[in-house]
Amino acid sequence: MSFESLNLNPAILQALAASGYNEPTPVQARAIPEAIANRDLMVSAPTGTGKTAAFVLPALQRLAQPSARPGRGPRVLVLTPTRELALQVTAVVDAYSRFMHRLRTGTVLGGMPYPKQRRLLDQPLDILVATPGRLIDFMDQGRVDFSRIEMLVLDEADRMLDMGFIQPVEKIAAAMPAGRQVLLFSATLDGNIARLARTLLRNPRLIEVAASKAYHENIEQRVHHVDDGGHKRKLLDYLLADTDLNQAIVFTATKRGADKLAEDLHGRGHAAAALHGDMNQSQRNRTLSRLRSGSVRVLVATDVAARGIDVSTITHVINYDLPKVAEDYVHRIGRTGRAGAGGIAISFAAPDDSSQLRQIERFTGNQIQVHVVPGLEPKVKARSDFSGASRKPYRGQAGTRRGDSGAQARRDSGRGSGNRRAGRAFV
């Protein structure tokens, strides 16, 4: 199947071709025709499968036709849980609308000055990308005109609900015209997501692509048992010395922990920086720009801050602290192995992390392989109920780690290929 077969506007096809894309991914092939047919959608698709374009392209297709309603307000609203994801969606809109005339896009999010965003909302808009909290602020000030809304997109709806945005999302949706189309994208479609969908969507089409539990087959997953914080730091130093590690995201449980670890790594000579929700947007943008340019090799981040990061040169994810929620583990490791490239996800697990590790293994349906580093073995032997996986030695660096030449080749094929189709994630 080609994008031409989806009957997209010629200006959109021109932008896709200029970006090097000719064929839709599975989620795009299924979602785009349904969305263009004005059907509400519930879509479950993991990151890196092209889900952003799966709603951006139908939105642009709709905007290629003039609005039937006069006014200045946006015709399409995209809600995202985090600032980084909002900026990523905006970048995708800009890329695929480059040949469309007079299409106006705006971004409203926390951490940015209010006056500039007020001026933005006073101008005519076609697409507005926003985080719920800041958008509610402007709604309460009477600054938002939803009278022309034709499409509402909820991106990573599960994360929005996890962050406590269910009431703001419902309030935003209630302020829109009754006939608007709703496209809901989420890693899971059960629980609170199903309840939200019953409230907001009309006879939605269900599309599920590569369920999270079966995803990330191209990512090698390992666990190292650790005794304490000192043992963690020694193992982290060892892993960061690996010449196969191009760039890594190291996840911590708290913002303070991210700052402390990043400062500690920087002091030990690593090109490290922290990223978390207490940083203002200009700080976050600078840090992400340094990551993309390669001047930051190790990004120490919290779950929310790293959501939406799409950098194809990240070869490793290290869970310095295990996530409290098993589903967050899937989102974390999805920061590597983008667009089919290989990746490595390493988790540190202390004795009191046993229940979290078991939950992760049950959720993913995957028994994570235990690895040990000679000279850095845990002093306390892992309990039999800690993990059923067998223990494997960490056999050196520079490509001799597993003796798996095929997996090594997959990692090498995705490294240093920022301008090649195989090394880029279609977002």
Protein backbone atom coordinates (compact mmCIF):
# COMPACT_ATOMS: atom_id res chain seq x y z
CA MET A 1 0.00 0.00 0.00
CA SER A 2 1.20 3.52 -0.79
CA PHE A 3 0.15 6.89 0.62
CA GLU A 4 -1.26 7.71 -2.82
CA SER A 5 -3.78 4.91 -2.39
CA LEU A 6 -5.17 6.68 0.69
CA ASN A 7 -6.33 9.58 -1.51
CA LEU A 8 -4.49 12.20 0.48
CA ASN A 9 -4.27 15.79 -0.71
CA PRO A 10 -1.40 16.34 -3.21
CA ALA A 11 0.26 18.88 -0.90
CA ILE A 12 0.35 16.28 1.88
CA LEU A 13 1.75 13.63 -0.47
CA GLN A 14 4.44 16.09 -1.57
CA ALA A 15 5.47 16.66 2.06
CA LEU A 16 5.55 12.91 2.76
CA ALA A 17 7.75 12.32 -0.28
CA ALA A 18 10.06 15.16 0.75
CA SER A 19 10.36 13.51 4.18
CA GLY A 20 11.31 10.19 2.56
CA TYR A 21 8.10 8.28 3.31
CA ASN A 22 6.18 6.37 0.64
CA GLU A 23 4.32 3.61 2.48
CA PRO A 24 2.12 3.89 5.57
CA THR A 25 2.86 1.86 8.67
CA PRO A 26 0.19 -0.66 9.76
CA VAL A 27 -1.47 1.74 12.21
CA GLN A 28 -1.55 4.47 9.56
CA ALA A 29 -2.94 2.15 6.90
CA ARG A 30 -5.82 1.19 9.20
CA ALA A 31 -6.51 4.49 10.97
CA ILE A 32 -6.19 7.08 8.18
CA PRO A 33 -9.04 5.83 5.92
CA GLU A 34 -11.38 5.49 8.91
CA ALA A 35 -10.49 8.95 10.19
CA ILE A 36 -10.93 10.52 6.76
CA ALA A 37 -14.38 8.89 6.66
CA ASN A 38 -15.21 10.98 9.76
CA ARG A 39 -15.49 8.02 12.13
CA ASP A 40 -14.52 8.22 15.80
CA LEU A 41 -11.55 5.98 16.57
CA MET A 42 -10.07 4.13 19.54
CA VAL A 43 -6.52 3.22 18.58
CA SER A 44 -4.06 1.16 20.60
CA ALA A 45 -0.52 1.42 19.23
CA PRO A 46 2.87 1.61 20.95
CA THR A 47 5.33 4.43 20.43
CA GLY A 48 7.51 4.29 17.33
CA THR A 49 4.82 2.76 15.11
CA GLY A 50 3.81 5.97 13.35
CA LYS A 51 0.79 6.79 15.49
CA THR A 52 1.36 10.57 15.39
CA ALA A 53 1.09 10.68 11.61
CA ALA A 54 -1.96 8.40 11.91
CA PHE A 55 -3.92 11.36 13.27
CA VAL A 56 -1.94 14.29 11.84
CA LEU A 57 -2.46 13.24 8.21
CA PRO A 58 -6.29 12.92 8.46
CA ALA A 59 -6.37 16.24 10.32
CA LEU A 60 -4.45 17.93 7.50
CA GLN A 61 -6.69 16.24 4.94
CA ARG A 62 -9.70 17.79 6.66
CA LEU A 63 -8.03 21.22 6.79
CA ALA A 64 -7.32 21.11 3.06
CA GLN A 65 -11.02 21.96 2.68
CA PRO A 66 -12.36 25.35 3.85
CA SER A 67 -14.31 25.53 7.06
CA ALA A 68 -18.09 25.80 6.91
CA ARG A 69 -18.02 27.97 10.03
CA PRO A 70 -16.54 31.47 10.10
CA GLY A 71 -14.35 32.46 13.02
CA ARG A 72 -10.84 32.51 14.42
CA GLY A 73 -10.79 29.45 16.67
CA PRO A 74 -9.02 26.18 15.79
CA ARG A 75 -10.66 23.48 13.71
CA VAL A 76 -8.50 20.68 15.18
CA LEU A 77 -7.41 20.31 18.81
CA VAL A 78 -4.73 17.81 19.83
CA LEU A 79 -4.38 17.18 23.58
CA THR A 80 -1.15 15.63 24.86
CA PRO A 81 -0.09 14.76 28.43
CA THR A 82 3.35 16.43 28.35
CA ARG A 83 5.10 19.46 26.93
CA GLU A 84 7.66 17.37 25.06
CA LEU A 85 4.97 15.37 23.31
CA ALA A 86 3.10 18.56 22.41
CA LEU A 87 6.22 19.99 20.78
CA GLN A 88 6.84 16.69 18.97
CA VAL A 89 3.30 16.67 17.55
CA THR A 90 3.69 20.31 16.47
CA ALA A 91 6.92 19.45 14.65
CA VAL A 92 5.16 16.62 12.79
CA VAL A 93 2.30 18.95 11.81
CA ASP A 94 4.80 21.52 10.52
CA ALA A 95 6.67 18.87 8.51
CA TYR A 96 3.60 17.46 6.74
CA SER A 97 1.84 20.78 6.18
CA ARG A 98 4.84 22.57 4.67
CA PHE A 99 3.26 22.71 1.21
CA MET A 100 -0.22 23.66 2.42
CA HIS A 101 -0.93 27.36 2.07
CA ARG A 102 -1.91 29.52 5.03
CA LEU A 103 -2.25 26.67 7.53
CA ARG A 104 -1.78 28.08 11.02
CA THR A 105 -0.61 25.94 13.94
CA GLY A 106 -0.25 26.95 17.58
CA THR A 107 1.02 25.29 20.76
CA VAL A 108 -0.26 26.03 24.26
CA LEU A 109 1.54 24.36 27.14
CA GLY A 110 2.80 24.87 30.67
CA GLY A 111 6.22 26.26 31.41
CA MET A 112 5.96 28.98 28.75
CA PRO A 113 5.05 32.68 29.21
CA TYR A 114 1.32 33.42 29.27
CA PRO A 115 1.40 36.68 27.21
CA LYS A 116 2.84 35.01 24.10
CA GLN A 117 0.23 32.26 24.26
CA ARG A 118 -2.58 34.78 24.80
CA ARG A 119 -1.53 36.55 21.62
CA LEU A 120 -1.48 33.20 19.83
CA LEU A 121 -5.06 32.44 20.86
CA ASP A 122 -6.18 35.87 19.69
CA GLN A 123 -5.05 35.02 16.14
CA PRO A 124 -6.78 32.74 13.61
CA LEU A 125 -5.75 29.10 14.06
CA ASP A 126 -6.30 25.83 12.22
CA ILE A 127 -4.59 23.34 14.57
CA LEU A 128 -4.03 23.86 18.28
CA VAL A 129 -1.77 21.43 20.17
CA ALA A 130 -2.10 21.77 23.94
CA THR A 131 -1.58 20.22 27.34
CA PRO A 132 -4.83 20.07 29.37
CA GLY A 133 -3.77 22.14 32.38
CA ARG A 134 -2.66 25.25 30.49
CA LEU A 135 -5.60 25.02 28.08
CA ILE A 136 -8.04 24.96 31.01
CA ASP A 137 -6.35 28.11 32.36
CA PHE A 138 -7.10 29.95 29.11
CA MET A 139 -10.62 28.53 28.93
CA ASP A 140 -11.32 29.90 32.41
CA GLN A 141 -10.10 33.30 31.18
CA GLY A 142 -12.49 33.15 28.20
CA ARG A 143 -9.57 33.11 25.76
CA VAL A 144 -10.43 29.93 23.80
CA ASP A 145 -12.95 29.76 20.96
CA PHE A 146 -14.05 26.16 20.32
CA SER A 147 -16.96 27.05 18.03
CA ARG A 148 -15.16 25.81 14.89
CA ILE A 149 -13.75 22.56 16.33
CA GLU A 150 -14.25 19.64 13.95
CA MET A 151 -11.75 17.13 15.34
CA LEU A 152 -10.48 16.37 18.86
CA VAL A 153 -7.42 14.13 19.21
CA LEU A 154 -6.46 12.60 22.56
CA ASP A 155 -2.84 11.47 22.22
CA GLU A 156 -1.52 9.05 24.86
CA ALA A 157 -4.87 9.21 26.60
CA ASP A 158 -3.80 6.59 29.15
CA ARG A 159 -0.99 8.82 30.34
CA MET A 160 -3.32 11.83 30.59
CA LEU A 161 -5.60 9.83 32.85
CA ASP A 162 -2.66 8.55 34.91
CA MET A 163 -1.61 12.17 35.45
CA GLY A 164 -5.07 13.11 36.75
CA PHE A 165 -6.31 14.92 33.65
CA ILE A 166 -9.60 13.05 33.24
CA GLN A 167 -11.75 15.94 34.53
CA PRO A 168 -9.93 18.61 32.47
CA VAL A 169 -10.28 16.42 29.36
CA GLU A 170 -14.00 15.99 29.98
CA LYS A 171 -14.39 19.73 30.59
CA ILE A 172 -12.55 20.57 27.36
CA ALA A 173 -14.61 18.08 25.34
CA ALA A 174 -17.87 19.39 26.82
CA ALA A 175 -17.07 22.89 25.54
CA MET A 176 -16.95 21.71 21.92
CA PRO A 177 -19.67 21.34 19.28
CA ALA A 178 -21.59 18.09 19.62
CA GLY A 179 -20.77 16.84 16.14
CA ARG A 180 -16.98 16.91 16.48
CA GLN A 181 -14.95 13.85 15.58
CA VAL A 182 -12.84 12.25 18.33
CA LEU A 183 -9.68 10.21 17.76
CA LEU A 184 -8.35 8.52 20.90
CA PHE A 185 -4.86 7.01 20.92
CA SER A 186 -3.66 5.00 23.90
CA ALA A 187 -1.28 2.19 24.82
CA THR A 188 -4.21 0.37 26.46
CA LEU A 189 -7.95 0.55 25.84
CA ASP A 190 -9.35 -0.88 29.04
CA GLY A 191 -10.30 0.44 32.48
CA ASN A 192 -10.64 4.22 32.70
CA ILE A 193 -9.87 4.61 28.99
CA ALA A 194 -12.92 2.53 28.09
CA ARG A 195 -15.08 4.60 30.44
CA LEU A 196 -13.78 7.86 28.96
CA ALA A 197 -14.41 6.56 25.45
CA ARG A 198 -18.04 5.75 26.28
CA THR A 199 -18.48 9.37 27.36
CA LEU A 200 -16.75 11.14 24.47
CA LEU A 201 -16.89 8.88 21.40
CA ARG A 202 -19.78 7.90 19.10
CA ASN A 203 -19.76 4.31 17.85
CA PRO A 204 -15.96 4.29 17.56
CA ARG A 205 -13.99 1.94 15.35
CA LEU A 206 -11.49 -0.09 17.37
CA ILE A 207 -7.97 -0.43 15.96
CA GLU A 208 -5.29 -2.39 17.81
CA VAL A 209 -1.78 -2.69 16.41
CA ALA A 210 1.11 -4.56 18.06
CA ALA A 211 -0.13 -4.73 21.64
CA SER A 212 2.36 -3.40 24.16
CA LYS A 213 3.03 -6.83 25.65
CA ALA A 214 4.22 -8.19 22.31
CA TYR A 215 6.15 -5.09 21.35
CA HIS A 216 9.87 -4.27 21.72
CA GLU A 217 11.04 -7.62 20.40
CA ASN A 218 14.03 -5.79 18.91
CA ILE A 219 15.13 -4.61 22.37
CA GLU A 220 17.33 -6.87 24.48
CA GLN A 221 16.15 -6.69 28.08
CA ARG A 222 18.40 -7.41 31.06
CA VAL A 223 18.26 -7.09 34.81
CA HIS A 224 21.18 -6.67 37.22
CA HIS A 225 20.56 -7.44 40.88
CA VAL A 226 22.07 -4.81 43.15
CA ASP A 227 22.82 -4.63 46.86
CA ASP A 228 22.53 -0.89 47.48
CA GLY A 229 23.06 2.57 46.03
CA GLY A 230 26.83 2.21 45.95
CA HIS A 231 26.54 -1.01 43.98
CA LYS A 232 24.18 0.74 41.53
CA ARG A 233 26.65 3.57 40.92
CA LYS A 234 29.52 1.16 40.23
CA LEU A 235 27.41 -0.83 37.78
CA LEU A 236 26.26 2.36 36.07
CA ASP A 237 29.86 3.53 35.65
CA TYR A 238 30.74 0.18 34.12
CA LEU A 239 27.81 0.28 31.68
CA LEU A 240 28.48 3.87 30.63
CA ALA A 241 32.07 2.94 29.80
CA ASP A 242 30.78 0.54 27.13
CA THR A 243 31.90 1.82 23.72
CA ASP A 244 28.74 0.29 22.20
CA LEU A 245 26.66 2.77 24.19
CA ASN A 246 26.04 5.73 21.92
CA GLN A 247 23.46 7.61 24.00
CA ALA A 248 21.41 6.50 26.99
CA ILE A 249 18.41 7.58 29.02
CA VAL A 250 18.78 6.71 32.71
CA PHE A 251 15.45 6.68 34.55
CA THR A 252 15.12 7.68 38.19
CA ALA A 253 12.06 7.60 40.43
CA THR A 254 12.18 11.26 41.52
CA LYS A 255 13.08 14.70 40.16
CA ARG A 256 15.55 15.24 42.97
CA GLY A 257 17.13 11.88 42.22
CA ALA A 258 17.50 12.86 38.55
CA ASP A 259 19.26 16.11 39.45
CA LYS A 260 21.54 14.43 41.96
CA LEU A 261 22.53 11.57 39.67
CA ALA A 262 23.11 13.86 36.67
CA GLU A 263 25.33 16.12 38.77
CA ASP A 264 27.23 13.11 40.10
CA LEU A 265 27.77 11.70 36.60
CA HIS A 266 28.87 15.09 35.27
CA GLY A 267 31.38 15.33 38.09
CA ARG A 268 32.80 11.95 37.10
CA GLY A 269 33.39 13.11 33.53
CA HIS A 270 30.22 11.97 31.78
CA ALA A 271 28.36 14.27 29.37
CA ALA A 272 25.16 14.06 31.43
CA ALA A 273 22.11 16.24 31.99
CA ALA A 274 18.82 15.96 33.87
CA LEU A 275 15.29 16.31 32.51
CA HIS A 276 12.23 16.51 34.76
CA GLY A 277 8.97 18.34 35.29
CA ASP A 278 10.32 21.07 37.60
CA MET A 279 12.43 22.54 34.78
CA ASN A 280 10.93 25.39 32.79
CA GLN A 281 10.31 24.90 29.09
CA SER A 282 13.38 26.80 27.90
CA GLN A 283 15.59 24.62 30.10
CA ARG A 284 13.92 21.47 28.81
CA ASN A 285 14.26 22.61 25.20
CA ARG A 286 17.96 23.33 25.64
CA THR A 287 18.55 19.92 27.22
CA LEU A 288 16.69 18.10 24.44
CA SER A 289 18.56 20.09 21.78
CA ARG A 290 21.86 19.04 23.37
CA LEU A 291 20.67 15.42 23.42
CA ARG A 292 19.75 15.53 19.73
CA SER A 293 23.02 17.22 18.79
CA GLY A 294 25.00 14.58 20.67
CA SER A 295 26.56 16.93 23.23
CA VAL A 296 24.60 15.06 25.94
CA ARG A 297 25.41 11.36 26.00
CA VAL A 298 23.50 10.44 29.16
CA LEU A 299 20.07 11.91 29.89
CA VAL A 300 18.85 11.32 33.45
CA ALA A 301 15.08 11.63 33.43
CA THR A 302 11.82 10.93 35.19
CA ASP A 303 8.95 9.08 33.49
CA VAL A 304 6.79 12.10 32.65
CA ALA A 305 9.68 14.23 31.38
CA ALA A 306 10.93 11.56 28.98
CA ARG A 307 7.50 10.87 27.52
CA GLY A 308 7.48 11.67 23.82
CA ILE A 309 11.27 11.80 23.34
CA ASP A 310 12.02 10.40 19.90
CA VAL A 311 15.79 10.31 19.30
CA SER A 312 16.97 7.52 17.03
CA THR A 313 20.55 7.60 18.40
CA ILE A 314 19.54 6.37 21.87
CA THR A 315 20.98 2.85 22.07
CA HIS A 316 20.41 2.12 25.76
CA VAL A 317 17.76 2.67 28.41
CA ILE A 318 18.84 2.09 32.00
CA ASN A 319 16.26 1.80 34.76
CA TYR A 320 18.34 3.07 37.65
CA ASP A 321 15.12 2.86 39.67
CA LEU A 322 12.42 0.43 38.62
CA PRO A 323 9.10 2.05 37.72
CA LYS A 324 6.24 1.72 40.19
CA VAL A 325 3.79 0.84 37.41
CA ALA A 326 4.59 -2.04 35.06
CA GLU A 327 3.17 -0.23 32.03
CA ASP A 328 5.70 2.59 32.54
CA TYR A 329 8.45 0.03 31.99
CA VAL A 330 7.16 -0.53 28.44
CA HIS A 331 7.10 3.20 27.74
CA ARG A 332 10.58 3.66 29.18
CA ILE A 333 12.30 0.98 27.13
CA GLY A 334 10.49 2.25 24.02
CA ARG A 335 12.86 5.24 24.02
CA THR A 336 15.41 2.94 22.37
CA GLY A 337 15.05 0.54 19.46
CA ARG A 338 13.18 3.10 17.40
CA ALA A 339 11.83 2.23 13.93
CA GLY A 340 13.05 -1.36 14.07
CA ALA A 341 16.62 -0.61 15.13
CA GLY A 342 18.09 -2.69 17.95
CA GLY A 343 18.29 -1.41 21.50
CA ILE A 344 19.26 -2.51 25.00
CA ALA A 345 17.18 -2.00 28.15
CA ILE A 346 18.91 -2.61 31.48
CA SER A 347 17.20 -2.57 34.87
CA PHE A 348 18.71 -2.45 38.35
CA ALA A 349 16.72 -4.40 40.93
CA ALA A 350 17.41 -4.35 44.67
CA PRO A 351 16.08 -7.11 46.95
CA ASP A 352 13.04 -5.01 47.90
CA ASP A 353 12.18 -4.54 44.20
CA SER A 354 11.14 -8.16 43.79
CA SER A 355 7.40 -7.50 43.54
CA GLN A 356 7.90 -4.71 40.99
CA LEU A 357 10.10 -6.95 38.87
CA ARG A 358 7.53 -9.74 38.95
CA GLN A 359 4.77 -7.31 37.93
CA ILE A 360 6.84 -6.12 34.98
CA GLU A 361 7.52 -9.68 33.84
CA ARG A 362 3.85 -10.61 34.15
CA PHE A 363 2.75 -7.52 32.25
CA THR A 364 5.21 -7.97 29.39
CA GLY A 365 4.93 -11.76 29.34
CA ASN A 366 8.72 -11.81 29.22
CA GLN A 367 11.14 -13.22 31.77
CA ILE A 368 13.95 -10.69 31.89
CA GLN A 369 17.41 -12.23 31.60
CA VAL A 370 19.61 -11.76 34.67
CA HIS A 371 23.14 -10.54 33.91
CA VAL A 372 26.18 -10.23 36.17
CA VAL A 373 29.39 -8.27 35.76
CA PRO A 374 32.51 -10.13 36.93
CA GLY A 375 33.79 -8.33 39.98
CA LEU A 376 30.48 -6.54 40.53
CA GLU A 377 28.30 -9.50 41.47
CA PRO A 378 25.64 -8.88 44.12
CA LYS A 379 26.75 -9.97 47.56
CA VAL A 380 23.24 -11.07 48.50
CA LYS A 381 22.13 -13.97 46.30
CA ALA A 382 18.87 -13.29 44.49
CA ARG A 383 15.96 -15.07 46.10
CA SER A 384 14.35 -17.82 44.07
CA ASP A 385 11.12 -15.82 43.85
CA PHE A 386 12.97 -12.68 42.72
CA SER A 387 13.08 -13.75 39.10
CA GLY A 388 12.85 -17.07 37.40
CA ALA A 389 15.42 -16.07 34.78
CA SER A 390 18.82 -17.72 34.60
CA ARG A 391 21.94 -15.71 35.30
CA LYS A 392 24.28 -14.77 32.50
CA PRO A 393 27.71 -13.17 32.73
CA TYR A 394 28.18 -9.80 31.10
CA ARG A 395 30.86 -10.85 28.64
CA GLY A 396 32.83 -7.70 28.05
CA GLN A 397 32.27 -4.79 25.72
CA ALA A 398 32.82 -3.80 22.11
CA GLY A 399 30.42 -6.29 20.60
CA THR A 400 31.36 -9.43 22.58
CA ARG A 401 28.53 -9.06 25.04
CA ARG A 402 26.31 -11.93 24.03
CA GLY A 403 27.96 -13.62 21.13
CA ASP A 404 24.81 -12.82 19.18
CA SER A 405 26.09 -11.40 15.92
CA GLY A 406 22.59 -10.95 14.51
CA ALA A 407 21.44 -8.79 17.40
CA GLN A 408 24.71 -6.85 17.26
CA ALA A 409 24.21 -6.22 13.57
CA ARG A 410 20.70 -4.94 14.25
CA ARG A 411 22.08 -2.48 16.79
CA ASP A 412 24.84 -1.37 14.46
CA SER A 413 22.41 -0.91 11.56
CA GLY A 414 20.41 1.66 13.55
CA ARG A 415 23.41 3.59 14.84
CA GLY A 416 24.64 6.79 13.31
CA SER A 417 22.00 6.76 10.59
CA GLY A 418 20.03 9.88 11.37
CA ASN A 419 19.38 10.68 7.70
CA ARG A 420 18.65 7.15 6.54
CA ARG A 421 15.12 5.80 6.39
CA ALA A 422 15.99 2.68 8.40
CA GLY A 423 17.41 4.64 11.27
CA ARG A 424 14.51 7.05 11.80
CA ALA A 425 11.32 6.62 13.73
CA PHE A 426 8.18 7.51 11.82
CA VAL A 427 6.21 9.54 14.34
